Amino acid sequence: MGRLIFYPLFVLTMTVIFKNQLLAYFTESNGFDLSNPLIKITEIHHGGPAKDGIPAIDRPHFIKANKAYFLNSTDRILGLSINGVTKAYPIKILNYHEIVNDFFKNKAVVITYCPLCGSGIAFSAHINGKDRTFGVSGLLYNSDVLLYDRETNSLWSQILASAVTGEQSGTPLKMLALTHTPWRDWKKQYPNSLVLSDHLGFERDYNRSPYGGYTDSQHLYFPVSSLNSRYHPKEKVIGLHLKGIHKVYPFTELAKVKSPYQDTVAGQKMTLIFNAEKRTGKILDQQQKEIPTTTLFWFAWMTFYPESLIFNR
């Protein structure tokens, strides 16, 4: 009789334990399906906010450059020019939202920024024949934001430029040439540029950084799979993908050479243009067309691409 009583109690206990574990799993993963992973799911970390706790901007409002009174001349922006349309996205706004779902005429794009990695990357949001919209998952991989698409709930790594879990796992993102530069220089080059307005319907103080002195500190908020101590972890770099080769250009090294500088990667000649004062740079191919690159922190690039060639002068 004792055994008959014990068995149902055992089943009930195990059921409760399983439900608690399941609840913890969904809480830690913010409810995302982590099937078909291309990365170690044990290296996915909860960043603190819930899914959409950091709200993406889905209905961006733009103003003319000469009306952007809230911007100081030295404020950093991400600039994008496509189909004859030019727009600037202030980083002090992106610090609070990380994603802007936008259109350049009929071309769907997504602007992404991870404050923890200093990485601003623009992608085409037209994927496999469909326009997609993205949100902030609240999860991190190697301290970098994991996006999710609202159509399938798959997770996408910003720096890997690929879906890493779920239905879309393995699907790549197409990078667009994005400029990371001070506002005064973008405005001078593109006086008719549109600018993402700070009147977006959110109660945020965009003049105050939520990350304090993070960009100057050696400290990281979240674990990463590896660290390369050759430079300060927050040293700004330009990261390049080309024909399966990865190469990284630390700003400290770029400042040592005269711009423009000729380089060759994967057998392809290219031109580096870098301005040490503006702390901005780009890479052009032989046809003088800009190659999409990523400006970000040293630790972030080397964590994702530890085998990278390193530009050193």
C-alpha atoms as a PDB file:
ATOM      1  CA  MET A   1       0.000   0.000   0.000  1.00  0.00           C
ATOM      2  CA  GLY A   2       2.900   2.311   0.866  1.00  0.00           C
ATOM      3  CA  ARG A   3       4.372   1.811  -2.597  1.00  0.00           C
ATOM      4  CA  LEU A   4       1.037   2.659  -4.241  1.00  0.00           C
ATOM      5  CA  ILE A   5       0.959   5.954  -2.310  1.00  0.00           C
ATOM      6  CA  PHE A   6       4.633   6.680  -2.960  1.00  0.00           C
ATOM      7  CA  TYR A   7       4.412   6.327  -6.757  1.00  0.00           C
ATOM      8  CA  PRO A   8       1.742   9.026  -7.332  1.00  0.00           C
ATOM      9  CA  LEU A   9       3.628  11.338  -4.967  1.00  0.00           C
ATOM     10  CA  PHE A  10       6.846  10.688  -6.905  1.00  0.00           C
ATOM     11  CA  VAL A  11       5.117  11.447 -10.212  1.00  0.00           C
ATOM     12  CA  LEU A  12       3.574  14.614  -8.771  1.00  0.00           C
ATOM     13  CA  THR A  13       6.926  15.757  -7.376  1.00  0.00           C
ATOM     14  CA  MET A  14       8.728  15.126 -10.671  1.00  0.00           C
ATOM     15  CA  THR A  15       5.951  16.910 -12.571  1.00  0.00           C
ATOM     16  CA  VAL A  16       6.321  19.976 -10.342  1.00  0.00           C
ATOM     17  CA  ILE A  17      10.111  19.910 -10.756  1.00  0.00           C
ATOM     18  CA  PHE A  18       9.783  19.588 -14.535  1.00  0.00           C
ATOM     19  CA  LYS A  19       7.295  22.472 -14.697  1.00  0.00           C
ATOM     20  CA  ASN A  20       9.590  24.643 -12.581  1.00  0.00           C
ATOM     21  CA  GLN A  21      12.553  23.804 -14.810  1.00  0.00           C
ATOM     22  CA  LEU A  22      10.470  24.524 -17.891  1.00  0.00           C
ATOM     23  CA  LEU A  23       9.351  27.841 -16.429  1.00  0.00           C
ATOM     24  CA  ALA A  24      12.959  28.726 -15.576  1.00  0.00           C
ATOM     25  CA  TYR A  25      14.026  27.791 -19.118  1.00  0.00           C
ATOM     26  CA  PHE A  26      11.420  30.034 -20.712  1.00  0.00           C
ATOM     27  CA  THR A  27      12.205  32.812 -18.240  1.00  0.00           C
ATOM     28  CA  GLU A  28      15.946  32.649 -18.928  1.00  0.00           C
ATOM     29  CA  SER A  29      15.383  32.463 -22.701  1.00  0.00           C
ATOM     30  CA  ASN A  30      12.582  35.066 -22.631  1.00  0.00           C
ATOM     31  CA  GLY A  31      10.322  32.413 -24.134  1.00  0.00           C
ATOM     32  CA  PHE A  32      12.313  31.983 -27.356  1.00  0.00           C
ATOM     33  CA  ASP A  33      12.643  28.637 -29.092  1.00  0.00           C
ATOM     34  CA  LEU A  34      16.340  27.737 -28.956  1.00  0.00           C
ATOM     35  CA  SER A  35      16.040  24.805 -31.372  1.00  0.00           C
ATOM     36  CA  ASN A  36      18.441  24.328 -34.308  1.00  0.00           C
ATOM     37  CA  PRO A  37      21.163  26.369 -32.585  1.00  0.00           C
ATOM     38  CA  LEU A  38      24.275  27.427 -34.485  1.00  0.00           C
ATOM     39  CA  ILE A  39      25.849  28.641 -31.246  1.00  0.00           C
ATOM     40  CA  LYS A  40      26.193  27.120 -27.774  1.00  0.00           C
ATOM     41  CA  ILE A  41      22.925  27.896 -26.029  1.00  0.00           C
ATOM     42  CA  THR A  42      24.794  27.784 -22.708  1.00  0.00           C
ATOM     43  CA  GLU A  43      26.575  30.942 -23.929  1.00  0.00           C
ATOM     44  CA  ILE A  44      23.297  32.798 -24.445  1.00  0.00           C
ATOM     45  CA  HIS A  45      22.794  35.086 -21.462  1.00  0.00           C
ATOM     46  CA  HIS A  46      19.793  36.956 -20.188  1.00  0.00           C
ATOM     47  CA  GLY A  47      20.608  40.650 -20.452  1.00  0.00           C
ATOM     48  CA  GLY A  48      18.082  41.775 -17.843  1.00  0.00           C
ATOM     49  CA  PRO A  49      15.176  43.188 -19.895  1.00  0.00           C
ATOM     50  CA  ALA A  50      12.330  40.983 -21.033  1.00  0.00           C
ATOM     51  CA  LYS A  51      11.502  40.450 -24.693  1.00  0.00           C
ATOM     52  CA  ASP A  52      10.857  43.949 -26.121  1.00  0.00           C
ATOM     53  CA  GLY A  53      11.843  45.415 -22.736  1.00  0.00           C
ATOM     54  CA  ILE A  54      14.154  47.536 -24.878  1.00  0.00           C
ATOM     55  CA  PRO A  55      11.617  48.814 -27.413  1.00  0.00           C
ATOM     56  CA  ALA A  56      12.621  48.798 -31.078  1.00  0.00           C
ATOM     57  CA  ILE A  57      11.537  51.802 -33.121  1.00  0.00           C
ATOM     58  CA  ASP A  58       8.908  50.579 -35.575  1.00  0.00           C
ATOM     59  CA  ARG A  59       7.520  53.916 -36.718  1.00  0.00           C
ATOM     60  CA  PRO A  60      10.544  56.174 -37.009  1.00  0.00           C
ATOM     61  CA  HIS A  61       9.897  59.889 -37.358  1.00  0.00           C
ATOM     62  CA  PHE A  62      12.455  62.006 -39.210  1.00  0.00           C
ATOM     63  CA  ILE A  63      13.223  65.697 -39.357  1.00  0.00           C
ATOM     64  CA  LYS A  64      15.442  67.771 -41.637  1.00  0.00           C
ATOM     65  CA  ALA A  65      19.088  68.194 -40.723  1.00  0.00           C
ATOM     66  CA  ASN A  66      18.721  71.925 -40.106  1.00  0.00           C
ATOM     67  CA  LYS A  67      15.945  71.216 -37.573  1.00  0.00           C
ATOM     68  CA  ALA A  68      17.900  68.699 -35.495  1.00  0.00           C
ATOM     69  CA  TYR A  69      18.520  71.133 -32.640  1.00  0.00           C
ATOM     70  CA  PHE A  70      18.799  68.315 -30.099  1.00  0.00           C
ATOM     71  CA  LEU A  71      22.076  67.154 -31.647  1.00  0.00           C
ATOM     72  CA  ASN A  72      25.475  68.537 -30.678  1.00  0.00           C
ATOM     73  CA  SER A  73      28.143  68.772 -33.364  1.00  0.00           C
ATOM     74  CA  THR A  74      30.211  65.999 -31.742  1.00  0.00           C
ATOM     75  CA  ASP A  75      27.328  63.578 -31.197  1.00  0.00           C
ATOM     76  CA  ARG A  76      27.964  60.288 -33.003  1.00  0.00           C
ATOM     77  CA  ILE A  77      25.495  59.081 -35.601  1.00  0.00           C
ATOM     78  CA  LEU A  78      25.058  56.095 -37.881  1.00  0.00           C
ATOM     79  CA  GLY A  79      24.547  57.315 -41.430  1.00  0.00           C
ATOM     80  CA  LEU A  80      22.994  55.423 -44.335  1.00  0.00           C
ATOM     81  CA  SER A  81      22.378  56.462 -47.931  1.00  0.00           C
ATOM     82  CA  ILE A  82      20.315  54.229 -50.249  1.00  0.00           C
ATOM     83  CA  ASN A  83      18.176  54.822 -53.321  1.00  0.00           C
ATOM     84  CA  GLY A  84      18.830  58.555 -53.212  1.00  0.00           C
ATOM     85  CA  VAL A  85      17.657  58.796 -49.586  1.00  0.00           C
ATOM     86  CA  THR A  86      20.063  59.758 -46.803  1.00  0.00           C
ATOM     87  CA  LYS A  87      19.338  59.340 -43.092  1.00  0.00           C
ATOM     88  CA  ALA A  88      21.167  59.780 -39.796  1.00  0.00           C
ATOM     89  CA  TYR A  89      20.429  57.746 -36.657  1.00  0.00           C
ATOM     90  CA  PRO A  90      21.829  59.358 -33.476  1.00  0.00           C
ATOM     91  CA  ILE A  91      23.592  56.869 -31.231  1.00  0.00           C
ATOM     92  CA  LYS A  92      22.235  58.594 -28.132  1.00  0.00           C
ATOM     93  CA  ILE A  93      18.784  57.465 -29.297  1.00  0.00           C
ATOM     94  CA  LEU A  94      19.961  54.006 -30.350  1.00  0.00           C
ATOM     95  CA  ASN A  95      21.423  53.490 -26.854  1.00  0.00           C
ATOM     96  CA  TYR A  96      17.828  53.191 -25.639  1.00  0.00           C
ATOM     97  CA  HIS A  97      16.263  51.305 -28.570  1.00  0.00           C
ATOM     98  CA  GLU A  98      19.024  49.339 -30.381  1.00  0.00           C
ATOM     99  CA  ILE A  99      16.838  48.622 -33.435  1.00  0.00           C
ATOM    100  CA  VAL A 100      15.111  50.824 -36.009  1.00  0.00           C
ATOM    101  CA  ASN A 101      12.857  49.147 -38.571  1.00  0.00           C
ATOM    102  CA  ASP A 102      12.826  51.467 -41.558  1.00  0.00           C
ATOM    103  CA  PHE A 103      12.340  51.851 -45.313  1.00  0.00           C
ATOM    104  CA  PHE A 104      14.406  53.637 -47.922  1.00  0.00           C
ATOM    105  CA  LYS A 105      11.694  54.192 -50.498  1.00  0.00           C
ATOM    106  CA  ASN A 106      10.546  50.588 -51.024  1.00  0.00           C
ATOM    107  CA  LYS A 107      13.643  48.929 -49.552  1.00  0.00           C
ATOM    108  CA  ALA A 108      13.172  47.464 -46.064  1.00  0.00           C
ATOM    109  CA  VAL A 109      16.186  47.904 -43.786  1.00  0.00           C
ATOM    110  CA  VAL A 110      16.967  47.376 -40.123  1.00  0.00           C
ATOM    111  CA  ILE A 111      19.444  49.581 -38.277  1.00  0.00           C
ATOM    112  CA  THR A 112      21.008  47.824 -35.294  1.00  0.00           C
ATOM    113  CA  TYR A 113      23.236  49.087 -32.501  1.00  0.00           C
ATOM    114  CA  CYS A 114      24.638  47.217 -29.510  1.00  0.00           C
ATOM    115  CA  PRO A 115      25.929  49.612 -26.825  1.00  0.00           C
ATOM    116  CA  LEU A 116      27.812  46.779 -25.103  1.00  0.00           C
ATOM    117  CA  CYS A 117      29.881  46.079 -28.232  1.00  0.00           C
ATOM    118  CA  GLY A 118      29.815  49.579 -29.736  1.00  0.00           C
ATOM    119  CA  SER A 119      28.627  47.919 -32.929  1.00  0.00           C
ATOM    120  CA  GLY A 120      26.372  49.659 -35.411  1.00  0.00           C
ATOM    121  CA  ILE A 121      25.319  47.525 -38.386  1.00  0.00           C
ATOM    122  CA  ALA A 122      22.641  48.028 -41.034  1.00  0.00           C
ATOM    123  CA  PHE A 123      21.062  45.075 -42.836  1.00  0.00           C
ATOM    124  CA  SER A 124      18.616  44.531 -45.621  1.00  0.00           C
ATOM    125  CA  ALA A 125      15.357  43.402 -43.999  1.00  0.00           C
ATOM    126  CA  HIS A 126      14.118  41.769 -47.215  1.00  0.00           C
ATOM    127  CA  ILE A 127      14.961  38.140 -46.482  1.00  0.00           C
ATOM    128  CA  ASN A 128      13.984  35.111 -48.539  1.00  0.00           C
ATOM    129  CA  GLY A 129      11.500  37.156 -50.534  1.00  0.00           C
ATOM    130  CA  LYS A 130       9.792  38.756 -47.512  1.00  0.00           C
ATOM    131  CA  ASP A 131      10.177  42.014 -45.609  1.00  0.00           C
ATOM    132  CA  ARG A 132      10.822  41.292 -41.950  1.00  0.00           C
ATOM    133  CA  THR A 133      10.681  43.392 -38.804  1.00  0.00           C
ATOM    134  CA  PHE A 134      12.937  42.907 -35.818  1.00  0.00           C
ATOM    135  CA  GLY A 135      12.771  43.377 -32.074  1.00  0.00           C
ATOM    136  CA  VAL A 136      15.194  43.235 -29.149  1.00  0.00           C
ATOM    137  CA  SER A 137      15.123  39.778 -27.552  1.00  0.00           C
ATOM    138  CA  GLY A 138      16.630  40.796 -24.193  1.00  0.00           C
ATOM    139  CA  LEU A 139      19.217  38.044 -24.729  1.00  0.00           C
ATOM    140  CA  LEU A 140      22.927  38.331 -25.456  1.00  0.00           C
ATOM    141  CA  TYR A 141      25.541  36.159 -27.090  1.00  0.00           C
ATOM    142  CA  ASN A 142      29.151  37.118 -26.395  1.00  0.00           C
ATOM    143  CA  SER A 143      27.833  40.377 -24.915  1.00  0.00           C
ATOM    144  CA  ASP A 144      26.208  41.232 -28.257  1.00  0.00           C
ATOM    145  CA  VAL A 145      22.514  41.862 -28.830  1.00  0.00           C
ATOM    146  CA  LEU A 146      20.420  39.007 -30.188  1.00  0.00           C
ATOM    147  CA  LEU A 147      17.670  40.305 -32.449  1.00  0.00           C
ATOM    148  CA  TYR A 148      14.517  38.374 -33.211  1.00  0.00           C
ATOM    149  CA  ASP A 149      12.264  38.567 -36.223  1.00  0.00           C
ATOM    150  CA  ARG A 150       8.596  38.969 -35.420  1.00  0.00           C
ATOM    151  CA  GLU A 151       7.522  36.673 -38.236  1.00  0.00           C
ATOM    152  CA  THR A 152       9.180  33.468 -36.928  1.00  0.00           C
ATOM    153  CA  ASN A 153      10.575  34.390 -33.477  1.00  0.00           C
ATOM    154  CA  SER A 154      14.014  33.196 -34.574  1.00  0.00           C
ATOM    155  CA  LEU A 155      17.064  34.713 -32.872  1.00  0.00           C
ATOM    156  CA  TRP A 156      19.670  36.530 -34.973  1.00  0.00           C
ATOM    157  CA  SER A 157      23.222  37.462 -33.987  1.00  0.00           C
ATOM    158  CA  GLN A 158      24.087  41.031 -34.942  1.00  0.00           C
ATOM    159  CA  ILE A 159      27.859  40.529 -35.291  1.00  0.00           C
ATOM    160  CA  LEU A 160      27.564  37.080 -36.902  1.00  0.00           C
ATOM    161  CA  ALA A 161      24.963  38.592 -39.282  1.00  0.00           C
ATOM    162  CA  SER A 162      22.944  35.391 -39.212  1.00  0.00           C
ATOM    163  CA  ALA A 163      19.994  33.687 -37.572  1.00  0.00           C
ATOM    164  CA  VAL A 164      21.333  31.378 -34.856  1.00  0.00           C
ATOM    165  CA  THR A 165      18.233  29.584 -33.533  1.00  0.00           C
ATOM    166  CA  GLY A 166      14.716  28.714 -34.569  1.00  0.00           C
ATOM    167  CA  GLU A 167      13.071  28.309 -37.951  1.00  0.00           C
ATOM    168  CA  GLN A 168      15.457  30.732 -39.708  1.00  0.00           C
ATOM    169  CA  SER A 169      18.648  29.285 -38.159  1.00  0.00           C
ATOM    170  CA  GLY A 170      21.531  29.624 -40.618  1.00  0.00           C
ATOM    171  CA  THR A 171      19.894  32.328 -42.735  1.00  0.00           C
ATOM    172  CA  PRO A 172      22.410  35.128 -43.402  1.00  0.00           C
ATOM    173  CA  LEU A 173      21.799  38.850 -43.206  1.00  0.00           C
ATOM    174  CA  LYS A 174      23.073  41.164 -45.950  1.00  0.00           C
ATOM    175  CA  MET A 175      25.122  44.014 -44.531  1.00  0.00           C
ATOM    176  CA  LEU A 176      24.805  47.542 -45.885  1.00  0.00           C
ATOM    177  CA  ALA A 177      27.539  50.192 -45.913  1.00  0.00           C
ATOM    178  CA  LEU A 178      26.951  52.240 -42.768  1.00  0.00           C
ATOM    179  CA  THR A 179      28.944  55.282 -41.624  1.00  0.00           C
ATOM    180  CA  HIS A 180      29.832  55.833 -37.953  1.00  0.00           C
ATOM    181  CA  THR A 181      30.781  59.503 -37.652  1.00  0.00           C
ATOM    182  CA  PRO A 182      30.229  62.798 -35.771  1.00  0.00           C
ATOM    183  CA  TRP A 183      27.026  64.650 -36.620  1.00  0.00           C
ATOM    184  CA  ARG A 184      28.831  67.782 -37.847  1.00  0.00           C
ATOM    185  CA  ASP A 185      30.687  65.816 -40.522  1.00  0.00           C
ATOM    186  CA  TRP A 186      27.635  63.919 -41.725  1.00  0.00           C
ATOM    187  CA  LYS A 187      25.648  67.152 -41.888  1.00  0.00           C
ATOM    188  CA  LYS A 188      28.430  68.845 -43.850  1.00  0.00           C
ATOM    189  CA  GLN A 189      28.578  65.989 -46.344  1.00  0.00           C
ATOM    190  CA  TYR A 190      24.795  65.527 -46.533  1.00  0.00           C
ATOM    191  CA  PRO A 191      23.123  68.862 -45.677  1.00  0.00           C
ATOM    192  CA  ASN A 192      19.759  67.519 -46.888  1.00  0.00           C
ATOM    193  CA  SER A 193      19.950  64.401 -44.746  1.00  0.00           C
ATOM    194  CA  LEU A 194      16.951  63.309 -42.727  1.00  0.00           C
ATOM    195  CA  VAL A 195      17.558  62.719 -39.012  1.00  0.00           C
ATOM    196  CA  LEU A 196      15.790  60.344 -36.649  1.00  0.00           C
ATOM    197  CA  SER A 197      13.801  62.609 -34.337  1.00  0.00           C
ATOM    198  CA  ASP A 198      14.014  62.428 -30.556  1.00  0.00           C
ATOM    199  CA  HIS A 199      10.211  62.806 -30.382  1.00  0.00           C
ATOM    200  CA  LEU A 200       9.298  59.135 -30.694  1.00  0.00           C
ATOM    201  CA  GLY A 201       6.617  58.715 -28.044  1.00  0.00           C
ATOM    202  CA  PHE A 202       8.947  57.223 -25.413  1.00  0.00           C
ATOM    203  CA  GLU A 203       9.837  58.746 -22.059  1.00  0.00           C
ATOM    204  CA  ARG A 204      13.619  58.690 -22.365  1.00  0.00           C
ATOM    205  CA  ASP A 205      16.313  61.227 -21.580  1.00  0.00           C
ATOM    206  CA  TYR A 206      18.342  60.807 -24.756  1.00  0.00           C
ATOM    207  CA  ASN A 207      20.950  63.286 -23.531  1.00  0.00           C
ATOM    208  CA  ARG A 208      21.963  60.908 -20.742  1.00  0.00           C
ATOM    209  CA  SER A 209      23.820  57.707 -21.545  1.00  0.00           C
ATOM    210  CA  PRO A 210      22.462  54.689 -19.641  1.00  0.00           C
ATOM    211  CA  TYR A 211      25.942  53.115 -19.809  1.00  0.00           C
ATOM    212  CA  GLY A 212      27.957  55.755 -17.912  1.00  0.00           C
ATOM    213  CA  GLY A 213      31.707  55.273 -18.342  1.00  0.00           C
ATOM    214  CA  TYR A 214      31.412  51.820 -19.887  1.00  0.00           C
ATOM    215  CA  THR A 215      33.161  52.731 -23.157  1.00  0.00           C
ATOM    216  CA  ASP A 216      36.374  53.773 -21.336  1.00  0.00           C
ATOM    217  CA  SER A 217      36.389  50.951 -18.788  1.00  0.00           C
ATOM    218  CA  GLN A 218      38.252  47.654 -19.073  1.00  0.00           C
ATOM    219  CA  HIS A 219      35.186  46.020 -17.550  1.00  0.00           C
ATOM    220  CA  LEU A 220      32.615  43.941 -19.452  1.00  0.00           C
ATOM    221  CA  TYR A 221      29.100  43.472 -18.118  1.00  0.00           C
ATOM    222  CA  PHE A 222      28.589  39.949 -19.501  1.00  0.00           C
ATOM    223  CA  PRO A 223      30.726  36.856 -20.167  1.00  0.00           C
ATOM    224  CA  VAL A 224      32.339  36.232 -23.549  1.00  0.00           C
ATOM    225  CA  SER A 225      33.855  33.042 -24.930  1.00  0.00           C
ATOM    226  CA  SER A 226      37.374  34.478 -25.274  1.00  0.00           C
ATOM    227  CA  LEU A 227      39.329  37.689 -24.800  1.00  0.00           C
ATOM    228  CA  ASN A 228      42.354  39.002 -26.675  1.00  0.00           C
ATOM    229  CA  SER A 229      44.354  41.413 -24.501  1.00  0.00           C
ATOM    230  CA  ARG A 230      46.534  42.869 -27.267  1.00  0.00           C
ATOM    231  CA  TYR A 231      44.590  46.165 -27.117  1.00  0.00           C
ATOM    232  CA  HIS A 232      42.253  47.844 -24.654  1.00  0.00           C
ATOM    233  CA  PRO A 233      38.984  45.861 -24.834  1.00  0.00           C
ATOM    234  CA  LYS A 234      37.098  49.015 -25.904  1.00  0.00           C
ATOM    235  CA  GLU A 235      39.635  50.060 -28.562  1.00  0.00           C
ATOM    236  CA  LYS A 236      37.610  51.027 -31.618  1.00  0.00           C
ATOM    237  CA  VAL A 237      38.283  48.921 -34.705  1.00  0.00           C
ATOM    238  CA  ILE A 238      36.996  48.383 -38.220  1.00  0.00           C
ATOM    239  CA  GLY A 239      36.116  44.742 -38.891  1.00  0.00           C
ATOM    240  CA  LEU A 240      36.122  43.350 -42.429  1.00  0.00           C
ATOM    241  CA  HIS A 241      34.679  40.125 -43.886  1.00  0.00           C
ATOM    242  CA  LEU A 242      35.924  39.283 -47.378  1.00  0.00           C
ATOM    243  CA  LYS A 243      35.809  35.936 -49.188  1.00  0.00           C
ATOM    244  CA  GLY A 244      35.930  33.974 -45.949  1.00  0.00           C
ATOM    245  CA  ILE A 245      38.777  36.078 -44.528  1.00  0.00           C
ATOM    246  CA  HIS A 246      38.363  38.278 -41.461  1.00  0.00           C
ATOM    247  CA  LYS A 247      40.609  41.244 -40.825  1.00  0.00           C
ATOM    248  CA  VAL A 248      40.525  43.872 -38.096  1.00  0.00           C
ATOM    249  CA  TYR A 249      41.893  47.420 -38.242  1.00  0.00           C
ATOM    250  CA  PRO A 250      42.458  49.012 -34.800  1.00  0.00           C
ATOM    251  CA  PHE A 251      42.052  52.791 -34.814  1.00  0.00           C
ATOM    252  CA  THR A 252      45.386  53.052 -32.951  1.00  0.00           C
ATOM    253  CA  GLU A 253      47.143  51.400 -35.889  1.00  0.00           C
ATOM    254  CA  LEU A 254      45.198  53.234 -38.593  1.00  0.00           C
ATOM    255  CA  ALA A 255      46.261  56.543 -37.029  1.00  0.00           C
ATOM    256  CA  LYS A 256      49.900  55.627 -37.757  1.00  0.00           C
ATOM    257  CA  VAL A 257      49.524  55.480 -41.551  1.00  0.00           C
ATOM    258  CA  LYS A 258      48.788  58.161 -44.103  1.00  0.00           C
ATOM    259  CA  SER A 259      45.246  58.043 -45.479  1.00  0.00           C
ATOM    260  CA  PRO A 260      44.305  56.830 -48.024  1.00  0.00           C
ATOM    261  CA  TYR A 261      46.188  53.562 -47.522  1.00  0.00           C
ATOM    262  CA  GLN A 262      46.330  50.655 -49.937  1.00  0.00           C
ATOM    263  CA  ASP A 263      45.835  47.151 -48.576  1.00  0.00           C
ATOM    264  CA  THR A 264      45.190  43.684 -50.006  1.00  0.00           C
ATOM    265  CA  VAL A 265      42.904  41.075 -48.437  1.00  0.00           C
ATOM    266  CA  ALA A 266      42.055  37.698 -49.979  1.00  0.00           C
ATOM    267  CA  GLY A 267      43.873  38.788 -53.137  1.00  0.00           C
ATOM    268  CA  GLN A 268      41.674  41.870 -53.515  1.00  0.00           C
ATOM    269  CA  LYS A 269      43.181  45.360 -53.509  1.00  0.00           C
ATOM    270  CA  MET A 270      41.354  47.979 -51.493  1.00  0.00           C
ATOM    271  CA  THR A 271      41.714  51.504 -50.165  1.00  0.00           C
ATOM    272  CA  LEU A 272      41.427  52.433 -46.490  1.00  0.00           C
ATOM    273  CA  ILE A 273      40.291  55.946 -45.680  1.00  0.00           C
ATOM    274  CA  PHE A 274      40.633  56.944 -42.034  1.00  0.00           C
ATOM    275  CA  ASN A 275      40.350  60.219 -40.170  1.00  0.00           C
ATOM    276  CA  ALA A 276      41.964  60.013 -36.742  1.00  0.00           C
ATOM    277  CA  GLU A 277      40.413  63.277 -35.533  1.00  0.00           C
ATOM    278  CA  LYS A 278      36.884  62.285 -36.553  1.00  0.00           C
ATOM    279  CA  ARG A 279      37.548  58.660 -35.538  1.00  0.00           C
ATOM    280  CA  THR A 280      35.806  57.347 -38.588  1.00  0.00           C
ATOM    281  CA  GLY A 281      36.890  55.201 -41.502  1.00  0.00           C
ATOM    282  CA  LYS A 282      35.767  53.190 -44.491  1.00  0.00           C
ATOM    283  CA  ILE A 283      37.148  50.722 -47.022  1.00  0.00           C
ATOM    284  CA  LEU A 284      36.690  51.018 -50.793  1.00  0.00           C
ATOM    285  CA  ASP A 285      37.085  48.314 -53.431  1.00  0.00           C
ATOM    286  CA  GLN A 286      38.955  48.808 -56.719  1.00  0.00           C
ATOM    287  CA  GLN A 287      35.880  50.453 -58.254  1.00  0.00           C
ATOM    288  CA  GLN A 288      35.830  52.929 -55.334  1.00  0.00           C
ATOM    289  CA  LYS A 289      32.629  51.362 -54.035  1.00  0.00           C
ATOM    290  CA  GLU A 290      32.357  51.157 -50.263  1.00  0.00           C
ATOM    291  CA  ILE A 291      32.658  47.669 -48.777  1.00  0.00           C
ATOM    292  CA  PRO A 292      30.304  47.098 -45.820  1.00  0.00           C
ATOM    293  CA  THR A 293      32.361  46.910 -42.622  1.00  0.00           C
ATOM    294  CA  THR A 294      31.656  47.061 -38.888  1.00  0.00           C
ATOM    295  CA  THR A 295      32.965  49.677 -36.476  1.00  0.00           C
ATOM    296  CA  LEU A 296      32.955  48.261 -32.945  1.00  0.00           C
ATOM    297  CA  PHE A 297      35.046  47.456 -29.871  1.00  0.00           C
ATOM    298  CA  TRP A 298      38.197  45.321 -30.169  1.00  0.00           C
ATOM    299  CA  PHE A 299      36.997  42.716 -27.645  1.00  0.00           C
ATOM    300  CA  ALA A 300      33.748  42.177 -29.524  1.00  0.00           C
ATOM    301  CA  TRP A 301      35.296  41.594 -32.937  1.00  0.00           C
ATOM    302  CA  MET A 302      38.015  39.289 -31.593  1.00  0.00           C
ATOM    303  CA  THR A 303      35.544  37.312 -29.487  1.00  0.00           C
ATOM    304  CA  PHE A 304      33.544  36.471 -32.595  1.00  0.00           C
ATOM    305  CA  TYR A 305      36.505  36.221 -34.998  1.00  0.00           C
ATOM    306  CA  PRO A 306      39.590  35.264 -32.956  1.00  0.00           C
ATOM    307  CA  GLU A 307      41.386  34.034 -36.085  1.00  0.00           C
ATOM    308  CA  SER A 308      41.280  37.498 -37.686  1.00  0.00           C
ATOM    309  CA  LEU A 309      44.251  39.024 -39.461  1.00  0.00           C
ATOM    310  CA  ILE A 310      45.319  42.137 -37.522  1.00  0.00           C
ATOM    311  CA  PHE A 311      46.393  45.346 -39.228  1.00  0.00           C
ATOM    312  CA  ASN A 312      49.537  46.447 -37.404  1.00  0.00           C
ATOM    313  CA  ARG A 313      51.880  49.348 -38.107  1.00  0.00           C
END
